[in-house]
Amino acid sequence: MRELMNVKEVKDGYVYMLTQRKVTCESCAMSGACSIMGSPDTKVKAKNIDKLGLKEGDYVVVELPNVSVTKLSFLVYGIPLIAFIVFTVLFYYLNFGDYVSFLMGLAATALSFVFMGYLDKHKFQDKYLPVILEKYELPVAVSAQKTVGDGLKQ
């Protein structure tokens, strides 16, 4: 999906842009949980393409990534849930008792969230970012004010 976005900041090799929620977003099944088009003030991060010479106030055409919601949901929720179940059952069968098994399951869940956060920062950091396709030149508005020098009499 392509969107027009306004550049708000360029720093550290990334471009930060503001989005505007579109009417077409209302019919989308993910409209309530979408982090790209979520709220009017959502800042979106993309890799800076130096050849475009982007600066604050520019408009750009951005291609939003096609991401499988099921895959991301499994990474965020499924892996910690599996860690919880496996460690709880493992410690229960090792005769550590109910409370200790439950606490070890919670610890494994917390560690899996930390591990997923590490992977997100280091491995997936740029994989799911929007891609800037081109700089968009807005049409120049013609001034509605006339001056004395353009033939009008006072």
C-alpha atoms as a PDB file:
ATOM      1  CA  MET A   1       0.000   0.000   0.000  1.00  0.00           C
ATOM      2  CA  ARG A   2       1.363   3.407  -0.969  1.00  0.00           C
ATOM      3  CA  GLU A   3       0.862   6.475   1.167  1.00  0.00           C
ATOM      4  CA  LEU A   4       1.807  10.138   1.023  1.00  0.00           C
ATOM      5  CA  MET A   5       3.594  11.245   4.207  1.00  0.00           C
ATOM      6  CA  ASN A   6       5.073  14.461   5.538  1.00  0.00           C
ATOM      7  CA  VAL A   7       8.743  14.448   6.629  1.00  0.00           C
ATOM      8  CA  LYS A   8       9.070  15.778  10.171  1.00  0.00           C
ATOM      9  CA  GLU A   9      12.670  14.917  11.011  1.00  0.00           C
ATOM     10  CA  VAL A  10      15.800  13.554   9.343  1.00  0.00           C
ATOM     11  CA  LYS A  11      18.513  12.195  11.645  1.00  0.00           C
ATOM     12  CA  ASP A  12      20.863   9.252  12.169  1.00  0.00           C
ATOM     13  CA  GLY A  13      20.221   7.778   8.709  1.00  0.00           C
ATOM     14  CA  TYR A  14      16.456   7.619   9.234  1.00  0.00           C
ATOM     15  CA  VAL A  15      13.518   9.757   8.169  1.00  0.00           C
ATOM     16  CA  TYR A  16      10.660  10.290  10.628  1.00  0.00           C
ATOM     17  CA  MET A  17       7.343  11.062   8.951  1.00  0.00           C
ATOM     18  CA  LEU A  18       3.831  11.908  10.120  1.00  0.00           C
ATOM     19  CA  THR A  19       0.874   9.947   8.833  1.00  0.00           C
ATOM     20  CA  GLN A  20      -2.733  10.885   8.427  1.00  0.00           C
ATOM     21  CA  ARG A  21      -5.466   8.340   8.905  1.00  0.00           C
ATOM     22  CA  LYS A  22      -7.287   7.739   5.632  1.00  0.00           C
ATOM     23  CA  VAL A  23     -10.940   6.934   5.016  1.00  0.00           C
ATOM     24  CA  THR A  24      -9.845   3.608   3.514  1.00  0.00           C
ATOM     25  CA  CYS A  25      -8.317   2.652   6.880  1.00  0.00           C
ATOM     26  CA  GLU A  26     -11.777   2.494   8.443  1.00  0.00           C
ATOM     27  CA  SER A  27     -12.733  -0.544   6.349  1.00  0.00           C
ATOM     28  CA  CYS A  28      -9.498  -2.419   7.107  1.00  0.00           C
ATOM     29  CA  ALA A  29      -9.712  -5.341   9.521  1.00  0.00           C
ATOM     30  CA  MET A  30      -6.545  -4.173  11.292  1.00  0.00           C
ATOM     31  CA  SER A  31      -7.606  -0.520  11.669  1.00  0.00           C
ATOM     32  CA  GLY A  32      -7.793  -0.715  15.461  1.00  0.00           C
ATOM     33  CA  ALA A  33      -4.383  -2.330  15.915  1.00  0.00           C
ATOM     34  CA  CYS A  34      -2.420  -0.775  13.069  1.00  0.00           C
ATOM     35  CA  SER A  35       0.774   0.921  14.211  1.00  0.00           C
ATOM     36  CA  ILE A  36       1.447   2.558  10.840  1.00  0.00           C
ATOM     37  CA  MET A  37      -1.838   4.410  10.413  1.00  0.00           C
ATOM     38  CA  GLY A  38      -2.970   4.242  14.035  1.00  0.00           C
ATOM     39  CA  SER A  39      -3.423   7.831  15.160  1.00  0.00           C
ATOM     40  CA  PRO A  40      -3.106  11.207  13.460  1.00  0.00           C
ATOM     41  CA  ASP A  41       0.175  11.960  15.219  1.00  0.00           C
ATOM     42  CA  THR A  42       1.883   8.623  14.575  1.00  0.00           C
ATOM     43  CA  LYS A  43       5.518   9.021  13.563  1.00  0.00           C
ATOM     44  CA  VAL A  44       6.743   6.451  11.063  1.00  0.00           C
ATOM     45  CA  LYS A  45      10.440   5.641  10.716  1.00  0.00           C
ATOM     46  CA  ALA A  46      12.052   4.773   7.364  1.00  0.00           C
ATOM     47  CA  LYS A  47      15.611   4.471   6.060  1.00  0.00           C
ATOM     48  CA  ASN A  48      16.910   7.749   4.622  1.00  0.00           C
ATOM     49  CA  ILE A  49      17.778   7.578   0.932  1.00  0.00           C
ATOM     50  CA  ASP A  50      20.479  10.225   0.533  1.00  0.00           C
ATOM     51  CA  LYS A  51      19.921  10.704  -3.212  1.00  0.00           C
ATOM     52  CA  LEU A  52      16.480  12.212  -2.520  1.00  0.00           C
ATOM     53  CA  GLY A  53      17.871  15.035  -0.369  1.00  0.00           C
ATOM     54  CA  LEU A  54      14.982  14.990   2.079  1.00  0.00           C
ATOM     55  CA  LYS A  55      14.445  17.722   4.631  1.00  0.00           C
ATOM     56  CA  GLU A  56      11.743  18.677   7.115  1.00  0.00           C
ATOM     57  CA  GLY A  57       8.479  19.639   5.438  1.00  0.00           C
ATOM     58  CA  ASP A  58       8.998  17.532   2.286  1.00  0.00           C
ATOM     59  CA  TYR A  59       6.337  15.086   1.154  1.00  0.00           C
ATOM     60  CA  VAL A  60       7.293  11.557   0.143  1.00  0.00           C
ATOM     61  CA  VAL A  61       5.552   8.566  -1.385  1.00  0.00           C
ATOM     62  CA  VAL A  62       6.036   5.586   0.913  1.00  0.00           C
ATOM     63  CA  GLU A  63       5.421   1.885   0.253  1.00  0.00           C
ATOM     64  CA  LEU A  64       4.174   0.212   3.422  1.00  0.00           C
ATOM     65  CA  PRO A  65       5.472  -3.333   3.935  1.00  0.00           C
ATOM     66  CA  ASN A  66       3.238  -6.326   3.327  1.00  0.00           C
ATOM     67  CA  VAL A  67       3.597  -8.132   6.625  1.00  0.00           C
ATOM     68  CA  SER A  68       1.831 -11.301   7.643  1.00  0.00           C
ATOM     69  CA  VAL A  69      -0.135 -10.440  10.773  1.00  0.00           C
ATOM     70  CA  THR A  70      -0.224 -14.115  11.714  1.00  0.00           C
ATOM     71  CA  LYS A  71       3.567 -14.396  11.579  1.00  0.00           C
ATOM     72  CA  LEU A  72       4.110 -11.298  13.706  1.00  0.00           C
ATOM     73  CA  SER A  73       1.433 -12.370  16.179  1.00  0.00           C
ATOM     74  CA  PHE A  74       3.132 -15.737  16.591  1.00  0.00           C
ATOM     75  CA  LEU A  75       6.482 -14.063  17.228  1.00  0.00           C
ATOM     76  CA  VAL A  76       5.039 -11.656  19.779  1.00  0.00           C
ATOM     77  CA  TYR A  77       2.576 -13.936  21.580  1.00  0.00           C
ATOM     78  CA  GLY A  78       3.206 -17.538  20.523  1.00  0.00           C
ATOM     79  CA  ILE A  79       6.873 -17.895  21.452  1.00  0.00           C
ATOM     80  CA  PRO A  80       6.425 -16.500  25.000  1.00  0.00           C
ATOM     81  CA  LEU A  81       3.348 -18.697  25.487  1.00  0.00           C
ATOM     82  CA  ILE A  82       5.259 -21.792  24.355  1.00  0.00           C
ATOM     83  CA  ALA A  83       8.133 -20.863  26.691  1.00  0.00           C
ATOM     84  CA  PHE A  84       5.690 -20.512  29.592  1.00  0.00           C
ATOM     85  CA  ILE A  85       4.049 -23.887  28.955  1.00  0.00           C
ATOM     86  CA  VAL A  86       7.291 -25.802  28.332  1.00  0.00           C
ATOM     87  CA  PHE A  87       9.104 -24.467  31.413  1.00  0.00           C
ATOM     88  CA  THR A  88       6.089 -24.826  33.699  1.00  0.00           C
ATOM     89  CA  VAL A  89       5.557 -28.456  32.662  1.00  0.00           C
ATOM     90  CA  LEU A  90       9.293 -29.223  32.752  1.00  0.00           C
ATOM     91  CA  PHE A  91       9.781 -27.931  36.291  1.00  0.00           C
ATOM     92  CA  TYR A  92       6.553 -29.585  37.432  1.00  0.00           C
ATOM     93  CA  TYR A  93       7.754 -32.988  36.185  1.00  0.00           C
ATOM     94  CA  LEU A  94      11.121 -32.399  37.838  1.00  0.00           C
ATOM     95  CA  ASN A  95       9.187 -32.252  41.165  1.00  0.00           C
ATOM     96  CA  PHE A  96       9.831 -28.598  41.949  1.00  0.00           C
ATOM     97  CA  GLY A  97       6.247 -28.049  43.066  1.00  0.00           C
ATOM     98  CA  ASP A  98       3.401 -25.991  41.707  1.00  0.00           C
ATOM     99  CA  TYR A  99       4.555 -22.541  42.799  1.00  0.00           C
ATOM    100  CA  VAL A 100       8.166 -22.925  41.715  1.00  0.00           C
ATOM    101  CA  SER A 101       7.088 -24.403  38.363  1.00  0.00           C
ATOM    102  CA  PHE A 102       4.702 -21.513  37.806  1.00  0.00           C
ATOM    103  CA  LEU A 103       7.361 -18.934  38.723  1.00  0.00           C
ATOM    104  CA  MET A 104       9.887 -20.592  36.407  1.00  0.00           C
ATOM    105  CA  GLY A 105       7.302 -20.480  33.619  1.00  0.00           C
ATOM    106  CA  LEU A 106       6.820 -16.756  34.263  1.00  0.00           C
ATOM    107  CA  ALA A 107      10.594 -16.217  34.274  1.00  0.00           C
ATOM    108  CA  ALA A 108      10.902 -18.061  30.949  1.00  0.00           C
ATOM    109  CA  THR A 109       8.109 -15.891  29.526  1.00  0.00           C
ATOM    110  CA  ALA A 110       9.875 -12.723  30.651  1.00  0.00           C
ATOM    111  CA  LEU A 111      13.177 -13.934  29.178  1.00  0.00           C
ATOM    112  CA  SER A 112      11.486 -14.764  25.889  1.00  0.00           C
ATOM    113  CA  PHE A 113      10.067 -11.215  25.725  1.00  0.00           C
ATOM    114  CA  VAL A 114      13.568  -9.832  26.359  1.00  0.00           C
ATOM    115  CA  PHE A 115      14.961 -12.128  23.655  1.00  0.00           C
ATOM    116  CA  MET A 116      12.259 -11.043  21.182  1.00  0.00           C
ATOM    117  CA  GLY A 117      13.044  -7.399  21.978  1.00  0.00           C
ATOM    118  CA  TYR A 118      16.719  -8.049  21.276  1.00  0.00           C
ATOM    119  CA  LEU A 119      15.889  -9.721  17.954  1.00  0.00           C
ATOM    120  CA  ASP A 120      13.597  -6.839  17.034  1.00  0.00           C
ATOM    121  CA  LYS A 121      16.313  -4.248  17.701  1.00  0.00           C
ATOM    122  CA  HIS A 122      19.177  -6.102  16.010  1.00  0.00           C
ATOM    123  CA  LYS A 123      17.827  -8.512  13.402  1.00  0.00           C
ATOM    124  CA  PHE A 124      14.422  -7.188  12.360  1.00  0.00           C
ATOM    125  CA  GLN A 125      15.192  -3.471  12.809  1.00  0.00           C
ATOM    126  CA  ASP A 126      15.106  -2.486   9.142  1.00  0.00           C
ATOM    127  CA  LYS A 127      13.286  -5.510   7.731  1.00  0.00           C
ATOM    128  CA  TYR A 128       9.728  -4.262   8.260  1.00  0.00           C
ATOM    129  CA  LEU A 129      10.287  -0.528   7.746  1.00  0.00           C
ATOM    130  CA  PRO A 130       8.390   1.381   5.064  1.00  0.00           C
ATOM    131  CA  VAL A 131      10.345   2.155   1.884  1.00  0.00           C
ATOM    132  CA  ILE A 132      10.538   5.704   0.550  1.00  0.00           C
ATOM    133  CA  LEU A 133       9.884   5.503  -3.185  1.00  0.00           C
ATOM    134  CA  GLU A 134      10.138   9.129  -4.245  1.00  0.00           C
ATOM    135  CA  LYS A 135       9.967  12.726  -3.176  1.00  0.00           C
ATOM    136  CA  TYR A 136       6.572  14.209  -3.994  1.00  0.00           C
ATOM    137  CA  GLU A 137       6.417  17.760  -5.267  1.00  0.00           C
ATOM    138  CA  LEU A 138       3.223  19.494  -4.225  1.00  0.00           C
ATOM    139  CA  PRO A 139       1.593  21.683  -6.857  1.00  0.00           C
ATOM    140  CA  VAL A 140       2.486  25.330  -6.375  1.00  0.00           C
ATOM    141  CA  ALA A 141      -0.512  27.336  -5.228  1.00  0.00           C
ATOM    142  CA  VAL A 142      -1.180  30.530  -7.164  1.00  0.00           C
ATOM    143  CA  SER A 143      -1.370  33.553  -4.907  1.00  0.00           C
ATOM    144  CA  ALA A 144      -4.865  35.034  -4.711  1.00  0.00           C
ATOM    145  CA  GLN A 145      -3.555  38.492  -3.925  1.00  0.00           C
ATOM    146  CA  LYS A 146      -2.984  40.901  -6.788  1.00  0.00           C
ATOM    147  CA  THR A 147      -0.454  43.663  -6.632  1.00  0.00           C
ATOM    148  CA  VAL A 148      -0.631  47.177  -8.056  1.00  0.00           C
ATOM    149  CA  GLY A 149       1.949  46.332 -10.670  1.00  0.00           C
ATOM    150  CA  ASP A 150      -0.143  43.650 -12.423  1.00  0.00           C
ATOM    151  CA  GLY A 151      -2.586  46.022 -14.138  1.00  0.00           C
ATOM    152  CA  LEU A 152      -5.213  46.640 -11.490  1.00  0.00           C
ATOM    153  CA  LYS A 153      -6.252  50.225 -10.844  1.00  0.00           C
ATOM    154  CA  GLN A 154      -6.688  51.471  -7.329  1.00  0.00           C
END
